Protein backbone atom coordinates (compact mmCIF):
# COMPACT_ATOMS: atom_id res chain seq x y z
CA UNK A 1 -17.57 6.87 8.44
CA UNK A 2 -13.84 7.01 8.88
CA UNK A 3 -11.09 8.30 6.62
CA UNK A 4 -7.55 7.30 7.53
CA UNK A 5 -4.66 8.85 5.61
CA UNK A 6 -1.34 7.04 5.29
CA UNK A 7 1.57 9.03 3.88
CA UNK A 8 4.21 7.07 2.03
CA UNK A 9 7.44 8.26 0.43
CA UNK A 10 5.98 8.38 -3.06
CA UNK A 11 2.21 8.03 -2.62
CA UNK A 12 -0.71 8.69 -0.30
CA UNK A 13 -3.37 6.12 0.62
CA UNK A 14 -6.72 7.23 2.03
CA UNK A 15 -8.74 4.36 3.49
CA UNK A 16 -12.48 4.97 3.69
CA UNK A 17 -14.82 2.81 5.69
CA UNK A 18 -18.54 3.05 6.36
CA UNK A 19 -21.12 5.06 4.43
CA UNK A 20 -20.18 8.31 2.73
CA UNK A 21 -23.44 10.23 3.01
CA UNK A 22 -24.05 13.94 3.65
CA UNK A 23 -23.39 13.80 7.38
CA UNK A 24 -20.24 11.72 6.92
CA UNK A 25 -18.97 14.07 4.21
CA UNK A 26 -19.24 16.96 6.66
CA UNK A 27 -17.50 14.97 9.40
CA UNK A 28 -14.48 14.05 7.27
CA UNK A 29 -14.05 17.56 5.85
CA UNK A 30 -10.75 18.16 7.75
CA UNK A 31 -9.21 14.98 6.32
CA UNK A 32 -10.39 15.89 2.82
CA UNK A 33 -8.70 19.28 3.15
CA UNK A 34 -5.53 17.47 4.25
CA UNK A 35 -5.75 15.23 1.16
CA UNK A 36 -6.22 18.25 -1.10
CA UNK A 37 -2.97 19.67 0.25
CA UNK A 38 -1.21 16.39 -0.62
CA UNK A 39 -2.37 16.10 -4.24
CA UNK A 40 1.11 16.81 -5.60
CA UNK A 41 1.69 13.08 -4.90
CA UNK A 42 -0.36 10.20 -6.33
CA UNK A 43 -3.36 9.40 -4.14
CA UNK A 44 -5.15 6.08 -3.86
CA UNK A 45 -8.52 6.00 -2.16
CA UNK A 46 -9.02 2.53 -0.72
CA UNK A 47 -12.75 1.87 -0.95
CA UNK A 48 -12.60 -1.74 0.23
CA UNK A 49 -14.66 -0.93 3.32
CA UNK A 50 -16.80 1.82 1.77
CA UNK A 51 -20.34 0.44 1.85
CA UNK A 52 -22.26 3.36 0.31
CA UNK A 53 -21.64 6.68 -1.41
CA UNK A 54 -24.14 9.53 -1.82
CA UNK A 55 -23.91 12.61 -4.03
CA UNK A 56 -22.13 14.53 -1.27
CA UNK A 57 -19.43 11.84 -1.29
CA UNK A 58 -19.14 12.08 -5.06
CA UNK A 59 -18.60 15.82 -4.69
CA UNK A 60 -15.65 15.11 -2.38
CA UNK A 61 -14.17 12.77 -5.00
CA UNK A 62 -14.53 15.46 -7.68
CA UNK A 63 -12.95 18.04 -5.40
CA UNK A 64 -9.93 15.80 -4.88
CA UNK A 65 -9.76 15.03 -8.59
CA UNK A 66 -9.67 18.74 -9.45
CA UNK A 67 -6.92 19.39 -6.91
CA UNK A 68 -4.87 16.44 -8.20
CA UNK A 69 -5.35 17.57 -11.81
CA UNK A 70 -3.71 20.92 -11.04
CA UNK A 71 -0.56 18.97 -10.06
CA UNK A 72 -0.72 16.60 -13.03
CA UNK A 73 -1.84 13.73 -10.80
CA UNK A 74 -4.76 11.32 -10.87
CA UNK A 75 -6.83 9.80 -8.10
CA UNK A 76 -7.01 6.00 -8.06
CA UNK A 77 -9.97 4.21 -6.48
CA UNK A 78 -9.12 0.76 -5.18
CA UNK A 79 -11.32 -2.06 -3.89
CA UNK A 80 -14.63 -0.61 -5.06
CA UNK A 81 -17.54 -2.93 -4.23
CA UNK A 82 -20.50 -3.60 -6.54
CA UNK A 83 -22.85 -1.09 -4.86
CA UNK A 84 -20.40 1.79 -5.02
CA UNK A 85 -19.34 0.80 -8.56
CA UNK A 86 -22.95 0.98 -9.71
CA UNK A 87 -23.17 4.57 -8.47
CA UNK A 88 -19.87 5.40 -10.17
CA UNK A 89 -21.11 3.92 -13.46
CA UNK A 90 -24.50 5.65 -13.35
CA UNK A 91 -22.81 9.01 -12.76
CA UNK A 92 -19.96 8.33 -15.23
CA UNK A 93 -17.44 8.74 -12.43
CA UNK A 94 -15.96 5.41 -13.54
CA UNK A 95 -14.58 7.31 -16.54
CA UNK A 96 -13.05 10.10 -14.41
CA UNK A 97 -10.97 7.96 -12.06
CA UNK A 98 -8.51 5.12 -12.36
CA UNK A 99 -10.29 2.14 -10.78
CA UNK A 100 -8.32 -0.90 -9.65
């Protein structure tokens, strides 16, 4: 699992690739903390290469959503594949995030 953060002038893009399971969620904790600190700007999480998401990954998404909400921002999920989208629908996360 990798999480690459790209800082633009008016937005942040976080590109996730691999499987976001419990171990991966622990490994990317420093990058998630960095993203939390950047939530005053719009954030797009590029899920194009995200193959799988577990409940620990969903918790990270919620954490970022809460941080963004405090700044009046939203988190956008982009490029969500069918497998990840199914998990988002089952958990009603598809209603909590902007999905492109």
